PDB file of N, CA and C in Angstrom:
ATOM      1  N   UNK A   1       0.800  -1.249  -0.130  1.00  0.00           N
ATOM      2  CA  UNK A   1      -0.161   0.065   0.164  1.00  0.00           C
ATOM      3  C   UNK A   1       0.881   1.138  -0.146  1.00  0.00           C
ATOM      4  N   UNK A   2       1.944   1.076   0.820  1.00  0.00           N
ATOM      5  CA  UNK A   2       2.717   2.351   0.862  1.00  0.00           C
ATOM      6  C   UNK A   2       3.558   2.403  -0.453  1.00  0.00           C
ATOM      7  N   UNK A   3       4.050   1.358  -1.279  1.00  0.00           N
ATOM      8  CA  UNK A   3       4.672   1.587  -2.366  1.00  0.00           C
ATOM      9  C   UNK A   3       3.701   2.118  -3.549  1.00  0.00           C
ATOM     10  N   UNK A   4       2.464   1.812  -3.452  1.00  0.00           N
ATOM     11  CA  UNK A   4       1.292   2.523  -4.233  1.00  0.00           C
ATOM     12  C   UNK A   4       1.447   4.041  -4.063  1.00  0.00           C
ATOM     13  N   UNK A   5       1.121   4.332  -2.869  1.00  0.00           N
ATOM     14  CA  UNK A   5       0.959   5.823  -2.148  1.00  0.00           C
ATOM     15  C   UNK A   5       2.276   6.529  -2.929  1.00  0.00           C
ATOM     16  N   UNK A   6       3.432   5.888  -2.841  1.00  0.00           N
ATOM     17  CA  UNK A   6       4.827   6.499  -3.162  1.00  0.00           C
ATOM     18  C   UNK A   6       4.632   6.537  -4.670  1.00  0.00           C
ATOM     19  N   UNK A   7       4.187   5.697  -5.437  1.00  0.00           N
ATOM     20  CA  UNK A   7       4.048   5.858  -6.826  1.00  0.00           C
ATOM     21  C   UNK A   7       3.040   6.970  -7.416  1.00  0.00           C
ATOM     22  N   UNK A   8       2.170   7.411  -6.313  1.00  0.00           N
ATOM     23  CA  UNK A   8       1.306   8.552  -6.712  1.00  0.00           C
ATOM     24  C   UNK A   8      -0.095   8.068  -6.940  1.00  0.00           C
ATOM     25  N   UNK A   9      -0.467   6.883  -6.237  1.00  0.00           N
ATOM     26  CA  UNK A   9      -1.588   6.470  -6.506  1.00  0.00           C
ATOM     27  C   UNK A   9      -2.239   6.637  -5.202  1.00  0.00           C
ATOM     28  N   UNK A  10      -3.344   7.456  -5.187  1.00  0.00           N
ATOM     29  CA  UNK A  10      -4.292   7.825  -3.918  1.00  0.00           C
ATOM     30  C   UNK A  10      -4.824   6.643  -3.064  1.00  0.00           C
ATOM     31  N   UNK A  11      -4.345   6.478  -1.915  1.00  0.00           N
ATOM     32  CA  UNK A  11      -4.698   5.161  -0.948  1.00  0.00           C
ATOM     33  C   UNK A  11      -5.260   5.753   0.214  1.00  0.00           C
ATOM     34  N   UNK A  12      -6.204   4.988   0.557  1.00  0.00           N
ATOM     35  CA  UNK A  12      -6.750   5.247   1.817  1.00  0.00           C
ATOM     36  C   UNK A  12      -7.130   3.962   2.721  1.00  0.00           C
ATOM     37  N   UNK A  13      -6.752   4.032   3.928  1.00  0.00           N
ATOM     38  CA  UNK A  13      -7.007   2.774   4.720  1.00  0.00           C
ATOM     39  C   UNK A  13      -8.549   2.828   5.515  1.00  0.00           C
ATOM     40  N   UNK A  14      -9.095   1.850   5.740  1.00  0.00           N
ATOM     41  CA  UNK A  14     -10.249   1.573   6.956  1.00  0.00           C
ATOM     42  C   UNK A  14      -9.312   1.462   8.050  1.00  0.00           C
ATOM     43  N   UNK A  15      -9.656   2.444   8.975  1.00  0.00           N
ATOM     44  CA  UNK A  15      -9.145   2.509  10.383  1.00  0.00           C
ATOM     45  C   UNK A  15     -10.235   1.909  11.433  1.00  0.00           C
ATOM     46  N   UNK A  16     -11.364   1.265  10.965  1.00  0.00           N
ATOM     47  CA  UNK A  16     -12.333   0.967  11.981  1.00  0.00           C
ATOM     48  C   UNK A  16     -11.795  -0.546  12.462  1.00  0.00           C
ATOM     49  N   UNK A  17     -12.498  -0.685  13.717  1.00  0.00           N
ATOM     50  CA  UNK A  17     -11.862  -2.294  14.111  1.00  0.00           C
ATOM     51  C   UNK A  17     -12.638  -3.310  13.433  1.00  0.00           C
ATOM     52  N   UNK A  18     -13.751  -3.088  13.079  1.00  0.00           N
ATOM     53  CA  UNK A  18     -14.521  -4.095  12.343  1.00  0.00           C
ATOM     54  C   UNK A  18     -14.377  -3.749  10.451  1.00  0.00           C
ATOM     55  N   UNK A  19     -13.188  -4.297  10.316  1.00  0.00           N
ATOM     56  CA  UNK A  19     -12.841  -3.862   8.994  1.00  0.00           C
ATOM     57  C   UNK A  19     -13.928  -4.479   7.864  1.00  0.00           C
ATOM     58  N   UNK A  20     -13.883  -3.472   6.833  1.00  0.00           N
ATOM     59  CA  UNK A  20     -14.867  -4.067   5.716  1.00  0.00           C
ATOM     60  C   UNK A  20     -14.283  -5.222   5.162  1.00  0.00           C
ATOM     61  N   UNK A  21     -15.061  -5.814   4.405  1.00  0.00           N
ATOM     62  CA  UNK A  21     -14.542  -7.263   3.647  1.00  0.00           C
ATOM     63  C   UNK A  21     -14.822  -7.169   2.282  1.00  0.00           C
ATOM     64  N   UNK A  22     -15.024  -5.962   1.715  1.00  0.00           N
ATOM     65  CA  UNK A  22     -15.322  -5.936   0.309  1.00  0.00           C
ATOM     66  C   UNK A  22     -13.918  -6.289  -0.546  1.00  0.00           C
ATOM     67  N   UNK A  23     -14.412  -6.986  -1.534  1.00  0.00           N
ATOM     68  CA  UNK A  23     -13.448  -7.414  -2.626  1.00  0.00           C
ATOM     69  C   UNK A  23     -13.996  -7.317  -3.901  1.00  0.00           C
ATOM     70  N   UNK A  24     -13.601  -5.855  -4.522  1.00  0.00           N
ATOM     71  CA  UNK A  24     -14.253  -5.806  -5.521  1.00  0.00           C
ATOM     72  C   UNK A  24     -13.302  -4.743  -6.360  1.00  0.00           C
ATOM     73  N   UNK A  25     -13.203  -4.602  -7.709  1.00  0.00           N
ATOM     74  CA  UNK A  25     -12.403  -3.708  -8.615  1.00  0.00           C
ATOM     75  C   UNK A  25     -13.354  -3.036  -9.543  1.00  0.00           C
ATOM     76  N   UNK A  26     -13.279  -1.726  -9.655  1.00  0.00           N
ATOM     77  CA  UNK A  26     -13.902  -1.248 -10.838  1.00  0.00           C
ATOM     78  C   UNK A  26     -12.677  -0.766 -11.882  1.00  0.00           C
ATOM     79  N   UNK A  27     -12.894  -1.082 -13.065  1.00  0.00           N
ATOM     80  CA  UNK A  27     -11.759  -0.911 -14.112  1.00  0.00           C
ATOM     81  C   UNK A  27     -12.536   0.062 -15.077  1.00  0.00           C
ATOM     82  N   UNK A  28     -11.847   1.554 -15.125  1.00  0.00           N
ATOM     83  CA  UNK A  28     -12.324   2.503 -15.838  1.00  0.00           C
ATOM     84  C   UNK A  28     -13.649   2.702 -15.800  1.00  0.00           C
ATOM     85  N   UNK A  29     -14.552   2.282 -14.670  1.00  0.00           N
ATOM     86  CA  UNK A  29     -15.987   2.751 -14.727  1.00  0.00           C
ATOM     87  C   UNK A  29     -16.738   1.774 -15.694  1.00  0.00           C
ATOM     88  N   UNK A  30     -16.001   0.820 -16.158  1.00  0.00           N
ATOM     89  CA  UNK A  30     -16.607  -0.027 -17.120  1.00  0.00           C
ATOM     90  C   UNK A  30     -16.607  -1.458 -16.809  1.00  0.00           C
ATOM     91  N   UNK A  31     -16.042  -1.921 -15.979  1.00  0.00           N
ATOM     92  CA  UNK A  31     -15.925  -3.329 -15.601  1.00  0.00           C
ATOM     93  C   UNK A  31     -15.917  -3.461 -14.268  1.00  0.00           C
ATOM     94  N   UNK A  32     -16.772  -4.447 -13.569  1.00  0.00           N
ATOM     95  CA  UNK A  32     -16.701  -4.741 -12.150  1.00  0.00           C
ATOM     96  C   UNK A  32     -16.044  -6.184 -12.011  1.00  0.00           C
ATOM     97  N   UNK A  33     -15.099  -6.130 -11.227  1.00  0.00           N
ATOM     98  CA  UNK A  33     -14.540  -7.523 -11.010  1.00  0.00           C
ATOM     99  C   UNK A  33     -14.837  -7.725  -9.532  1.00  0.00           C
ATOM    100  N   UNK A  34     -15.514  -9.035  -9.045  1.00  0.00           N
ATOM    101  CA  UNK A  34     -16.034  -8.846  -7.608  1.00  0.00           C
ATOM    102  C   UNK A  34     -16.015 -10.549  -7.113  1.00  0.00           C
ATOM    103  N   UNK A  35     -15.985 -11.091  -6.173  1.00  0.00           N
ATOM    104  CA  UNK A  35     -16.013 -12.223  -5.452  1.00  0.00           C
ATOM    105  C   UNK A  35     -15.037 -12.570  -4.356  1.00  0.00           C
ATOM    106  N   UNK A  36     -14.851 -13.815  -4.103  1.00  0.00           N
ATOM    107  CA  UNK A  36     -14.248 -13.963  -2.673  1.00  0.00           C
ATOM    108  C   UNK A  36     -12.619 -13.736  -3.054  1.00  0.00           C
ATOM    109  N   UNK A  37     -12.181 -13.688  -4.230  1.00  0.00           N
ATOM    110  CA  UNK A  37     -10.841 -13.611  -4.435  1.00  0.00           C
ATOM    111  C   UNK A  37     -10.037 -12.475  -3.714  1.00  0.00           C
ATOM    112  N   UNK A  38      -8.963 -12.746  -2.954  1.00  0.00           N
ATOM    113  CA  UNK A  38      -8.001 -11.899  -2.260  1.00  0.00           C
ATOM    114  C   UNK A  38      -6.994 -11.611  -3.135  1.00  0.00           C
ATOM    115  N   UNK A  39      -6.422 -10.422  -3.234  1.00  0.00           N
ATOM    116  CA  UNK A  39      -5.292  -9.957  -4.075  1.00  0.00           C
ATOM    117  C   UNK A  39      -3.856 -10.432  -3.475  1.00  0.00           C
ATOM    118  N   UNK A  40      -3.844 -11.836  -3.233  1.00  0.00           N
ATOM    119  CA  UNK A  40      -2.580 -12.346  -2.431  1.00  0.00           C
ATOM    120  C   UNK A  40      -2.152 -13.278  -3.364  1.00  0.00           C
ATOM    121  N   UNK A  41      -0.813 -13.836  -2.926  1.00  0.00           N
ATOM    122  CA  UNK A  41      -0.146 -15.055  -3.688  1.00  0.00           C
ATOM    123  C   UNK A  41      -0.990 -16.127  -3.404  1.00  0.00           C
ATOM    124  N   UNK A  42      -1.163 -16.291  -2.342  1.00  0.00           N
ATOM    125  CA  UNK A  42      -1.879 -17.581  -1.762  1.00  0.00           C
ATOM    126  C   UNK A  42      -3.239 -17.671  -2.638  1.00  0.00           C
ATOM    127  N   UNK A  43      -3.841 -16.712  -2.738  1.00  0.00           N
ATOM    128  CA  UNK A  43      -5.204 -16.783  -3.368  1.00  0.00           C
ATOM    129  C   UNK A  43      -5.069 -17.170  -4.963  1.00  0.00           C
ATOM    130  N   UNK A  44      -4.054 -16.762  -5.422  1.00  0.00           N
ATOM    131  CA  UNK A  44      -3.591 -17.187  -6.835  1.00  0.00           C
ATOM    132  C   UNK A  44      -3.337 -18.692  -7.155  1.00  0.00           C
ATOM    133  N   UNK A  45      -2.173 -18.955  -5.958  1.00  0.00           N
ATOM    134  CA  UNK A  45      -1.747 -20.417  -6.190  1.00  0.00           C
ATOM    135  C   UNK A  45      -2.453 -21.578  -5.473  1.00  0.00           C
ATOM    136  N   UNK A  46      -3.078 -21.087  -4.381  1.00  0.00           N
ATOM    137  CA  UNK A  46      -3.633 -22.437  -3.363  1.00  0.00           C
ATOM    138  C   UNK A  46      -5.158 -22.390  -3.220  1.00  0.00           C
ATOM    139  N   UNK A  47      -5.678 -21.188  -2.890  1.00  0.00           N
ATOM    140  CA  UNK A  47      -7.063 -20.939  -2.501  1.00  0.00           C
ATOM    141  C   UNK A  47      -7.943 -21.175  -3.451  1.00  0.00           C
ATOM    142  N   UNK A  48      -9.291 -21.765  -3.054  1.00  0.00           N
ATOM    143  CA  UNK A  48     -10.321 -22.098  -3.988  1.00  0.00           C
ATOM    144  C   UNK A  48     -10.911 -20.720  -3.737  1.00  0.00           C
ATOM    145  N   UNK A  49     -11.048 -19.943  -4.876  1.00  0.00           N
ATOM    146  CA  UNK A  49     -11.815 -18.425  -4.822  1.00  0.00           C
ATOM    147  C   UNK A  49     -12.460 -18.527  -5.899  1.00  0.00           C
ATOM    148  N   UNK A  50     -13.368 -17.374  -6.084  1.00  0.00           N
ATOM    149  CA  UNK A  50     -14.197 -17.139  -7.175  1.00  0.00           C
ATOM    150  C   UNK A  50     -14.061 -15.694  -7.426  1.00  0.00           C
ATOM    151  N   UNK A  51     -14.392 -15.347  -8.605  1.00  0.00           N
ATOM    152  CA  UNK A  51     -14.334 -14.199  -9.225  1.00  0.00           C
ATOM    153  C   UNK A  51     -15.193 -13.734 -10.348  1.00  0.00           C
ATOM    154  N   UNK A  52     -16.119 -12.926 -10.378  1.00  0.00           N
ATOM    155  CA  UNK A  52     -16.893 -12.773 -11.638  1.00  0.00           C
ATOM    156  C   UNK A  52     -16.748 -11.287 -12.089  1.00  0.00           C
ATOM    157  N   UNK A  53     -16.756 -11.193 -13.459  1.00  0.00           N
ATOM    158  CA  UNK A  53     -16.704  -9.943 -14.093  1.00  0.00           C
ATOM    159  C   UNK A  53     -18.119  -9.498 -14.366  1.00  0.00           C
ATOM    160  N   UNK A  54     -18.493  -8.175 -14.350  1.00  0.00           N
ATOM    161  CA  UNK A  54     -19.650  -7.664 -14.771  1.00  0.00           C
ATOM    162  C   UNK A  54     -19.490  -6.484 -15.642  1.00  0.00           C
ATOM    163  N   UNK A  55     -20.524  -6.261 -16.634  1.00  0.00           N
ATOM    164  CA  UNK A  55     -20.334  -4.916 -17.315  1.00  0.00           C
ATOM    165  C   UNK A  55     -21.766  -4.494 -17.414  1.00  0.00           C
ATOM    166  N   UNK A  56     -22.754  -5.005 -16.652  1.00  0.00           N
ATOM    167  CA  UNK A  56     -24.282  -4.305 -16.821  1.00  0.00           C
ATOM    168  C   UNK A  56     -24.152  -3.043 -15.921  1.00  0.00           C
ATOM    169  N   UNK A  57     -24.737  -1.835 -16.524  1.00  0.00           N
ATOM    170  CA  UNK A  57     -24.851  -0.759 -15.950  1.00  0.00           C
ATOM    171  C   UNK A  57     -25.368  -0.802 -14.616  1.00  0.00           C
ATOM    172  N   UNK A  58     -26.393  -1.464 -14.383  1.00  0.00           N
ATOM    173  CA  UNK A  58     -27.145  -1.160 -12.958  1.00  0.00           C
ATOM    174  C   UNK A  58     -25.997  -1.962 -11.845  1.00  0.00           C
ATOM    175  N   UNK A  59     -25.660  -2.887 -12.026  1.00  0.00           N
ATOM    176  CA  UNK A  59     -24.629  -3.546 -11.044  1.00  0.00           C
ATOM    177  C   UNK A  59     -23.294  -2.660 -10.853  1.00  0.00           C
ATOM    178  N   UNK A  60     -23.016  -2.151 -12.177  1.00  0.00           N
ATOM    179  CA  UNK A  60     -21.594  -1.364 -11.864  1.00  0.00           C
ATOM    180  C   UNK A  60     -22.151  -0.093 -11.173  1.00  0.00           C
ATOM    181  N   UNK A  61     -22.918   0.456 -11.658  1.00  0.00           N
ATOM    182  CA  UNK A  61     -23.384   1.751 -10.791  1.00  0.00           C
ATOM    183  C   UNK A  61     -23.781   1.620  -9.315  1.00  0.00           C
ATOM    184  N   UNK A  62     -24.179   0.538  -8.971  1.00  0.00           N
ATOM    185  CA  UNK A  62     -24.299   0.298  -7.539  1.00  0.00           C
ATOM    186  C   UNK A  62     -22.785   0.167  -6.836  1.00  0.00           C
ATOM    187  N   UNK A  63     -22.109  -0.241  -7.437  1.00  0.00           N
ATOM    188  CA  UNK A  63     -20.500  -0.721  -6.921  1.00  0.00           C
ATOM    189  C   UNK A  63     -19.720   0.557  -6.783  1.00  0.00           C
ATOM    190  N   UNK A  64     -20.054   1.363  -7.908  1.00  0.00           N
ATOM    191  CA  UNK A  64     -19.383   2.657  -7.936  1.00  0.00           C
ATOM    192  C   UNK A  64     -19.919   3.484  -6.883  1.00  0.00           C
ATOM    193  N   UNK A  65     -21.108   3.723  -6.743  1.00  0.00           N
ATOM    194  CA  UNK A  65     -21.722   4.207  -5.499  1.00  0.00           C
ATOM    195  C   UNK A  65     -21.275   3.968  -4.230  1.00  0.00           C
ATOM    196  N   UNK A  66     -21.084   2.378  -3.997  1.00  0.00           N
ATOM    197  CA  UNK A  66     -20.362   1.959  -2.694  1.00  0.00           C
ATOM    198  C   UNK A  66     -18.949   2.463  -2.636  1.00  0.00           C
ATOM    199  N   UNK A  67     -18.131   2.515  -3.688  1.00  0.00           N
ATOM    200  CA  UNK A  67     -16.809   2.857  -3.617  1.00  0.00           C
ATOM    201  C   UNK A  67     -16.762   4.119  -3.197  1.00  0.00           C
ATOM    202  N   UNK A  68     -17.762   5.139  -3.770  1.00  0.00           N
ATOM    203  CA  UNK A  68     -17.431   6.449  -3.700  1.00  0.00           C
ATOM    204  C   UNK A  68     -17.834   6.811  -2.385  1.00  0.00           C
ATOM    205  N   UNK A  69     -18.785   6.251  -1.525  1.00  0.00           N
ATOM    206  CA  UNK A  69     -19.369   6.445  -0.460  1.00  0.00           C
ATOM    207  C   UNK A  69     -17.960   6.131   0.560  1.00  0.00           C
ATOM    208  N   UNK A  70     -17.339   4.895   0.209  1.00  0.00           N
ATOM    209  CA  UNK A  70     -16.302   4.469   1.447  1.00  0.00           C
ATOM    210  C   UNK A  70     -15.123   5.474   1.061  1.00  0.00           C
ATOM    211  N   UNK A  71     -14.707   6.009  -0.102  1.00  0.00           N
ATOM    212  CA  UNK A  71     -13.683   6.746  -0.461  1.00  0.00           C
ATOM    213  C   UNK A  71     -13.813   8.032   0.509  1.00  0.00           C
ATOM    214  N   UNK A  72     -15.196   8.727   0.544  1.00  0.00           N
ATOM    215  CA  UNK A  72     -15.474   9.835   1.282  1.00  0.00           C
ATOM    216  C   UNK A  72     -15.168   9.710   2.731  1.00  0.00           C
ATOM    217  N   UNK A  73     -15.875   8.496   2.984  1.00  0.00           N
ATOM    218  CA  UNK A  73     -15.855   8.029   4.429  1.00  0.00           C
ATOM    219  C   UNK A  73     -14.484   7.932   5.132  1.00  0.00           C
ATOM    220  N   UNK A  74     -13.410   7.518   4.297  1.00  0.00           N
ATOM    221  CA  UNK A  74     -12.134   7.429   4.792  1.00  0.00           C
ATOM    222  C   UNK A  74     -11.023   8.472   4.212  1.00  0.00           C
ATOM    223  N   UNK A  75     -11.898   9.799   3.935  1.00  0.00           N
ATOM    224  CA  UNK A  75     -10.969  10.806   3.580  1.00  0.00           C
ATOM    225  C   UNK A  75      -9.776  11.036   4.280  1.00  0.00           C
ATOM    226  N   UNK A  76     -10.037  10.910   5.789  1.00  0.00           N
ATOM    227  CA  UNK A  76      -8.878  11.456   6.638  1.00  0.00           C
ATOM    228  C   UNK A  76      -7.839  10.423   6.976  1.00  0.00           C
ATOM    229  N   UNK A  77      -8.045   9.196   6.121  1.00  0.00           N
ATOM    230  CA  UNK A  77      -7.135   8.127   6.305  1.00  0.00           C
ATOM    231  C   UNK A  77      -6.267   7.915   5.182  1.00  0.00           C
ATOM    232  N   UNK A  78      -5.576   8.959   4.836  1.00  0.00           N
ATOM    233  CA  UNK A  78      -4.827   8.859   3.479  1.00  0.00           C
ATOM    234  C   UNK A  78      -3.481   8.359   3.741  1.00  0.00           C
ATOM    235  N   UNK A  79      -2.953   7.422   2.994  1.00  0.00           N
ATOM    236  CA  UNK A  79      -1.818   6.826   3.154  1.00  0.00           C
ATOM    237  C   UNK A  79      -0.690   7.566   2.286  1.00  0.00           C
ATOM    238  N   UNK A  80       0.426   7.897   3.073  1.00  0.00           N
ATOM    239  CA  UNK A  80       1.382   8.807   2.408  1.00  0.00           C
ATOM    240  C   UNK A  80       2.522   7.660   2.094  1.00  0.00           C
ATOM    241  N   UNK A  81       3.091   8.099   0.786  1.00  0.00           N
ATOM    242  CA  UNK A  81       4.123   7.163   0.420  1.00  0.00           C
ATOM    243  C   UNK A  81       5.521   7.531   0.835  1.00  0.00           C
ATOM    244  N   UNK A  82       6.115   6.736   1.263  1.00  0.00           N
ATOM    245  CA  UNK A  82       7.681   6.940   1.566  1.00  0.00           C
ATOM    246  C   UNK A  82       8.780   6.589   0.549  1.00  0.00           C
ATOM    247  N   UNK A  83       9.799   7.315   0.336  1.00  0.00           N
ATOM    248  CA  UNK A  83      10.659   7.241  -0.956  1.00  0.00           C
ATOM    249  C   UNK A  83      11.469   6.019  -0.404  1.00  0.00           C
ATOM    250  N   UNK A  84      11.620   5.173  -1.401  1.00  0.00           N
ATOM    251  CA  UNK A  84      12.605   3.863  -1.028  1.00  0.00           C
ATOM    252  C   UNK A  84      13.848   4.448  -1.234  1.00  0.00           C
ATOM    253  N   UNK A  85      14.822   3.535  -0.494  1.00  0.00           N
ATOM    254  CA  UNK A  85      16.216   4.019  -0.525  1.00  0.00           C
ATOM    255  C   UNK A  85      16.959   3.788   0.677  1.00  0.00           C
TER     256      UNK A  85
END
């Protein structure tokens, strides 16, 4: 996460003790990727995960709305990147 922030990608953390468990990606506002899949090596190589791709507008709009709400909720939890070296 810090490396992403250091590369100029805006990153925010969930600081709540009851962490959110969402696992979805919105690609260019056009494709939704969702499922149990964790973005980890373990998930790729060994876990039994599911992932679905959606392009229908109502589903995409619902997830975009959820993301926007979370982004606003965690506005004060910005991750600062550290220069490597």
